[in-house]
Protein backbone atom coordinates (compact mmCIF):
# COMPACT_ATOMS: atom_id res chain seq x y z
CA UNK A 1 244.90 252.19 41.09
CA UNK A 2 246.62 249.48 42.97
CA UNK A 3 245.56 248.39 46.48
CA UNK A 4 247.88 246.77 48.90
CA UNK A 5 246.72 244.92 52.02
CA UNK A 6 248.91 246.51 54.62
CA UNK A 7 248.28 243.77 57.18
CA UNK A 8 251.40 243.81 59.25
CA UNK A 9 252.76 241.79 62.06
CA UNK A 10 252.93 242.47 65.67
CA UNK A 11 251.04 245.54 66.89
CA UNK A 12 251.14 247.40 63.54
CA UNK A 13 247.72 248.90 62.86
CA UNK A 14 245.75 247.79 59.92
CA UNK A 15 245.31 250.31 56.98
CA UNK A 16 245.26 250.92 53.17
CA UNK A 17 248.18 252.63 51.17
CA UNK A 18 246.94 254.63 48.17
CA UNK A 19 249.58 255.61 45.37
CA UNK A 20 249.16 258.70 43.19
CA UNK A 21 248.26 257.72 39.57
CA UNK A 22 250.71 258.68 36.67
CA UNK A 23 250.26 261.92 34.72
CA UNK A 24 248.32 261.10 31.58
CA UNK A 25 249.81 264.15 29.72
CA UNK A 26 253.37 262.86 30.07
CA UNK A 27 254.77 261.03 26.92
CA UNK A 28 255.02 257.36 27.25
CA UNK A 29 258.60 256.06 27.25
CA UNK A 30 259.83 254.33 24.07
CA UNK A 31 260.62 250.86 24.99
CA UNK A 32 263.02 250.54 21.97
CA UNK A 33 265.15 253.53 22.92
CA UNK A 34 268.61 252.64 24.13
CA UNK A 35 269.67 253.16 27.73
CA UNK A 36 271.52 256.41 28.17
CA UNK A 37 275.22 256.29 28.45
CA UNK A 38 276.20 257.25 31.93
CA UNK A 39 279.57 258.63 30.60
CA UNK A 40 277.86 260.98 28.20
CA UNK A 41 277.58 264.53 29.25
CA UNK A 42 274.37 265.52 30.79
CA UNK A 43 272.12 267.57 28.69
CA UNK A 44 271.54 271.07 29.54
CA UNK A 45 269.01 270.97 32.24
CA UNK A 46 265.77 272.64 31.66
CA UNK A 47 263.54 273.88 34.28
CA UNK A 48 263.52 271.54 37.29
CA UNK A 49 260.51 269.36 37.78
CA UNK A 50 259.08 269.20 41.23
CA UNK A 51 259.51 265.88 43.00
CA UNK A 52 256.57 263.61 43.11
CA UNK A 53 254.54 263.99 46.23
CA UNK A 54 255.15 261.63 49.10
CA UNK A 55 252.38 259.10 49.48
CA UNK A 56 250.21 259.81 52.47
CA UNK A 57 248.91 257.17 54.83
CA UNK A 58 245.41 257.60 56.12
CA UNK A 59 244.97 255.46 59.21
CA UNK A 60 241.60 253.92 59.81
CA UNK A 61 240.89 253.39 63.53
CA UNK A 62 240.58 249.78 64.47
CA UNK A 63 237.10 248.51 64.98
CA UNK A 64 235.87 248.54 68.55
CA UNK A 65 236.55 245.28 70.35
CA UNK A 66 233.55 243.12 70.87
CA UNK A 67 231.80 243.92 74.14
CA UNK A 68 232.86 241.79 77.00
CA UNK A 69 229.82 239.99 78.40
CA UNK A 70 229.74 240.40 82.11
CA UNK A 71 228.62 237.19 83.80
CA UNK A 72 225.39 237.63 85.67
CA UNK A 73 225.67 238.34 89.35
CA UNK A 74 225.07 235.33 91.58
CA UNK A 75 221.62 235.26 93.03
CA UNK A 76 221.41 236.96 96.38
CA UNK A 77 220.90 234.76 99.41
CA UNK A 78 217.50 235.51 100.91
CA UNK A 79 217.53 235.58 104.66
CA UNK A 80 214.55 233.61 105.96
CA UNK A 81 212.00 235.65 107.83
CA UNK A 82 211.94 235.15 111.60
CA UNK A 83 209.47 232.63 112.88
CA UNK A 84 206.30 234.37 114.04
CA UNK A 85 205.11 233.58 117.50
CA UNK A 86 201.50 233.55 116.33
CA UNK A 87 199.83 233.07 112.95
CA UNK A 88 199.53 235.95 110.52
CA UNK A 89 196.08 237.39 111.12
CA UNK A 90 195.88 238.53 107.51
CA UNK A 91 195.82 234.92 106.29
CA UNK A 92 193.03 232.47 106.75
CA UNK A 93 193.88 229.76 109.24
CA UNK A 94 192.43 226.27 108.85
CA UNK A 95 192.03 224.32 112.07
CA UNK A 96 191.73 220.57 112.02
CA UNK A 97 190.66 218.18 114.74
CA UNK A 98 191.96 214.66 114.87
CA UNK A 99 189.04 213.37 116.91
CA UNK A 100 185.64 214.70 117.88
CA UNK A 101 185.46 216.66 121.08
CA UNK A 102 183.22 215.37 123.83
CA UNK A 103 180.92 218.16 124.98
CA UNK A 104 181.65 219.11 128.56
CA UNK A 105 179.17 219.58 131.37
CA UNK A 106 177.03 222.65 130.93
CA UNK A 107 177.24 222.65 127.09
CA UNK A 108 173.98 223.14 125.25
CA UNK A 109 171.98 219.95 125.35
CA UNK A 110 174.41 218.28 127.78
CA UNK A 111 173.22 218.33 131.40
CA UNK A 112 175.76 218.95 134.11
CA UNK A 113 176.82 215.85 135.97
CA UNK A 114 175.24 215.66 139.39
CA UNK A 115 177.74 215.63 142.27
CA UNK A 116 178.10 212.29 144.00
CA UNK A 117 175.88 211.88 147.07
CA UNK A 118 177.52 212.33 150.47
CA UNK A 119 178.69 209.13 152.17
CA UNK A 120 176.30 207.34 154.51
CA UNK A 121 177.07 207.26 158.21
CA UNK A 122 176.42 203.83 159.71
CA UNK A 123 176.91 202.10 163.04
CA UNK A 124 180.21 200.77 161.68
CA UNK A 125 181.35 204.22 160.44
CA UNK A 126 179.44 206.80 162.48
CA UNK A 127 181.78 209.80 162.39
CA UNK A 128 182.17 212.70 159.92
CA UNK A 129 184.04 216.01 160.01
CA UNK A 130 182.91 219.39 158.73
CA UNK A 131 185.62 222.03 158.16
CA UNK A 132 185.79 225.57 156.85
CA UNK A 133 183.41 228.49 157.02
CA UNK A 134 180.05 229.18 155.50
CA UNK A 135 176.76 227.52 156.33
CA UNK A 136 176.22 223.96 157.52
CA UNK A 137 172.89 222.51 156.41
CA UNK A 138 170.90 219.60 157.84
CA UNK A 139 168.09 218.70 155.44
CA UNK A 140 165.14 216.39 156.15
CA UNK A 141 163.27 214.75 153.30
CA UNK A 142 160.76 211.92 153.27
CA UNK A 143 158.52 210.13 150.79
CA UNK A 144 155.75 212.21 149.31
CA UNK A 145 152.24 210.78 149.33
CA UNK A 146 152.46 209.38 152.84
CA UNK A 147 150.07 210.72 155.46
CA UNK A 148 152.61 212.15 157.89
CA UNK A 149 153.82 215.50 159.20
CA UNK A 150 157.48 215.22 160.25
CA UNK A 151 159.33 217.98 162.06
CA UNK A 152 163.07 218.65 162.03
CA UNK A 153 164.56 220.33 165.10
CA UNK A 154 167.81 221.11 166.91
CA UNK A 155 168.68 221.36 170.60
CA UNK A 156 171.40 224.01 170.96
CA UNK A 157 173.60 224.30 174.08
CA UNK A 158 176.12 227.11 174.78
CA UNK A 159 179.14 227.04 177.11
CA UNK A 160 177.52 229.57 179.48
CA UNK A 161 174.66 227.14 180.20
CA UNK A 162 172.10 228.80 177.94
CA UNK A 163 170.32 227.09 175.09
CA UNK A 164 167.04 226.49 173.30
CA UNK A 165 165.20 224.23 170.86
CA UNK A 166 164.96 225.43 167.23
CA UNK A 167 161.80 223.86 165.72
CA UNK A 168 158.51 224.68 164.02
CA UNK A 169 156.49 223.83 167.15
CA UNK A 170 156.05 227.05 169.05
CA UNK A 171 157.37 228.97 165.97
CA UNK A 172 160.89 228.84 167.39
CA UNK A 173 162.60 229.24 163.97
CA UNK A 174 165.79 230.81 165.39
CA UNK A 175 168.18 233.17 163.52
CA UNK A 176 171.26 232.65 161.38
CA UNK A 177 172.87 236.10 161.80
CA UNK A 178 172.31 236.56 165.54
CA UNK A 179 171.86 234.38 168.63
CA UNK A 180 171.42 231.39 168.51
CA UNK A 181 173.07 231.34 164.94
CA UNK A 182 170.86 228.37 164.01
CA UNK A 183 167.70 228.71 161.91
CA UNK A 184 164.92 226.50 160.46
CA UNK A 185 163.71 227.51 156.99
CA UNK A 186 160.11 226.18 156.91
CA UNK A 187 157.53 223.67 158.18
CA UNK A 188 156.67 221.10 155.50
CA UNK A 189 153.37 219.61 156.65
CA UNK A 190 153.00 216.85 154.00
CA UNK A 191 156.41 215.99 152.52
CA UNK A 192 155.30 217.43 149.17
CA UNK A 193 158.04 220.07 149.19
CA UNK A 194 161.05 218.98 147.11
CA UNK A 195 163.30 220.91 149.51
CA UNK A 196 161.85 219.33 152.65
CA UNK A 197 162.92 221.13 155.81
CA UNK A 198 166.43 222.51 156.41
CA UNK A 199 168.27 223.62 159.52
CA UNK A 200 171.18 225.99 158.91
CA UNK A 201 174.12 226.63 161.25
CA UNK A 202 176.45 229.65 160.87
CA UNK A 203 179.96 228.15 160.90
CA UNK A 204 181.51 231.54 161.67
CA UNK A 205 180.29 231.05 165.24
CA UNK A 206 181.24 227.43 165.89
CA UNK A 207 183.31 228.46 168.93
CA UNK A 208 180.11 229.73 170.58
CA UNK A 209 178.50 226.29 170.57
CA UNK A 210 178.96 223.55 173.13
CA UNK A 211 176.93 221.00 171.17
CA UNK A 212 173.96 220.64 168.83
CA UNK A 213 171.56 217.69 168.59
CA UNK A 214 169.62 217.25 165.32
CA UNK A 215 166.35 215.34 165.80
CA UNK A 216 163.20 214.37 163.88
CA UNK A 217 159.79 213.44 165.24
CA UNK A 218 156.33 212.61 163.93
CA UNK A 219 153.97 215.42 164.81
CA UNK A 220 150.94 213.64 163.36
CA UNK A 221 149.75 211.17 160.72
CA UNK A 222 152.01 208.11 161.27
CA UNK A 223 152.59 205.60 164.03
CA UNK A 224 156.35 205.26 163.39
CA UNK A 225 159.10 205.78 160.76
CA UNK A 226 159.13 202.36 159.14
CA UNK A 227 157.32 203.34 155.92
CA UNK A 228 158.26 207.05 155.65
CA UNK A 229 161.58 206.80 153.74
CA UNK A 230 163.07 209.67 155.74
CA UNK A 231 166.72 210.77 155.43
CA UNK A 232 168.74 213.58 157.03
CA UNK A 233 171.63 214.92 154.88
CA UNK A 234 174.33 217.12 156.42
CA UNK A 235 176.42 219.27 154.05
CA UNK A 236 178.76 222.27 154.18
CA UNK A 237 180.91 224.20 151.64
CA UNK A 238 184.07 222.29 150.76
CA UNK A 239 183.06 219.22 152.77
CA UNK A 240 181.85 215.82 151.64
CA UNK A 241 179.05 215.88 154.21
CA UNK A 242 177.12 212.79 155.22
CA UNK A 243 173.73 211.07 155.03
CA UNK A 244 171.84 209.36 157.81
CA UNK A 245 168.89 207.27 156.60
CA UNK A 246 166.12 206.79 159.19
CA UNK A 247 165.33 203.27 157.99
CA UNK A 248 166.04 201.18 161.07
CA UNK A 249 163.09 202.42 163.11
CA UNK A 250 161.63 199.95 165.61
CA UNK A 251 157.87 199.57 165.73
CA UNK A 252 156.11 202.48 167.43
CA UNK A 253 159.13 204.80 167.41
CA UNK A 254 157.91 208.36 166.73
CA UNK A 255 161.14 210.33 167.35
CA UNK A 256 164.84 209.96 166.54
CA UNK A 257 167.93 211.72 167.88
CA UNK A 258 169.72 211.78 164.49
CA UNK A 259 173.21 213.31 165.02
CA UNK A 260 175.24 214.99 167.73
CA UNK A 261 177.45 217.89 166.55
CA UNK A 262 180.34 219.33 168.57
CA UNK A 263 183.08 221.94 167.88
CA UNK A 264 186.39 220.44 166.74
CA UNK A 265 189.73 221.79 165.56
CA UNK A 266 189.05 223.63 162.30
CA UNK A 267 185.31 222.88 162.23
CA UNK A 268 182.70 220.52 163.63
CA UNK A 269 182.50 216.81 164.26
CA UNK A 270 179.28 215.00 163.32
CA UNK A 271 178.44 211.70 165.01
CA UNK A 272 175.55 209.51 163.95
CA UNK A 273 173.20 208.72 166.88
CA UNK A 274 170.06 207.15 165.34
CA UNK A 275 168.57 206.82 168.82
CA UNK A 276 164.83 206.08 168.80
CA UNK A 277 162.08 207.14 171.23
CA UNK A 278 158.50 205.99 171.78
CA UNK A 279 155.67 208.07 173.28
CA UNK A 280 155.45 208.25 177.07
CA UNK A 281 152.51 209.54 179.11
CA UNK A 282 154.58 211.51 181.60
CA UNK A 283 157.16 213.03 179.14
CA UNK A 284 156.88 214.66 175.78
CA UNK A 285 159.19 213.42 173.05
CA UNK A 286 161.44 216.51 173.28
CA UNK A 287 161.72 216.09 177.03
CA UNK A 288 162.83 212.48 176.59
CA UNK A 289 165.65 213.52 174.22
CA UNK A 290 166.60 216.39 176.53
CA UNK A 291 166.97 214.06 179.50
CA UNK A 292 168.81 211.41 177.47
CA UNK A 293 171.51 213.95 176.43
CA UNK A 294 171.49 216.17 179.55
CA UNK A 295 170.53 219.54 178.10
CA UNK A 296 168.32 220.47 181.12
CA UNK A 297 165.83 222.77 179.35
CA UNK A 298 162.41 223.84 180.68
CA UNK A 299 159.57 222.86 178.34
CA UNK A 300 156.15 224.44 177.71
CA UNK A 301 153.18 222.87 176.00
CA UNK A 302 152.50 224.09 172.40
CA UNK A 303 150.54 223.01 169.30
CA UNK A 304 150.47 223.68 165.56
CA UNK A 305 147.42 224.52 163.40
CA UNK A 306 145.66 221.52 161.88
CA UNK A 307 146.64 220.59 158.33
CA UNK A 308 144.20 221.99 155.80
């Protein structure tokens, strides 16, 4: 069997041509026999031999082309997530501090800073102004351990001519919510009370007042104010207030007209007086202050129980 590589040119498909082998029963030709004479008559033909079969071509399909490798798709562009307005609560958050924090007032172990004391009224700067509503307070305090009973009082005058003295003597403690809208909280007999004595004025009724005179006097136990360390402090909500030390007492002075208070636009004006009085046989201390400022009250004799 002979094989022929049928590789062609162009687009001719590749294949293999297979020829039919010779008949082994046929006699082999004599190579020494002469060629037949073409002019000689043909021999009587015998039975006709069938023609040899036509070679068949069996086509083998071409091998499949190698697979074309598809290039990988470009990586997708990831859209950044929107910025969150607050941290993700599912993640732990670490907070850092660049410097230690100073504990503020009121923190545990840190006392609140005390407010600055009210300014002092002096002869050079005697005036103060109290505005707003609420309660005005005039507080008297003096040194503890001294043998003295000081009393804080207030002469109150109204535009209709009425008035009274608010003081511990005679138990005239007044009232804050009704006439005269001025009240004294207590009678400190020794100065041992940390709160001292306090007069309160209802600022909702300032238009009802004509004037108020705060005063202090020695009821018993001291000959004057020189060694008592007494101070009257006037305060009100939203106001700086003022202080009036009673430290310039002359010898023998047992009473002091401390401050004169009058209605003013939007509140009250406070003027330091620091006017001192000595005992007189014909006039009680309160009568002297009344006459000096023209209140015109009628006075009645009264006493307090002895200190126990």
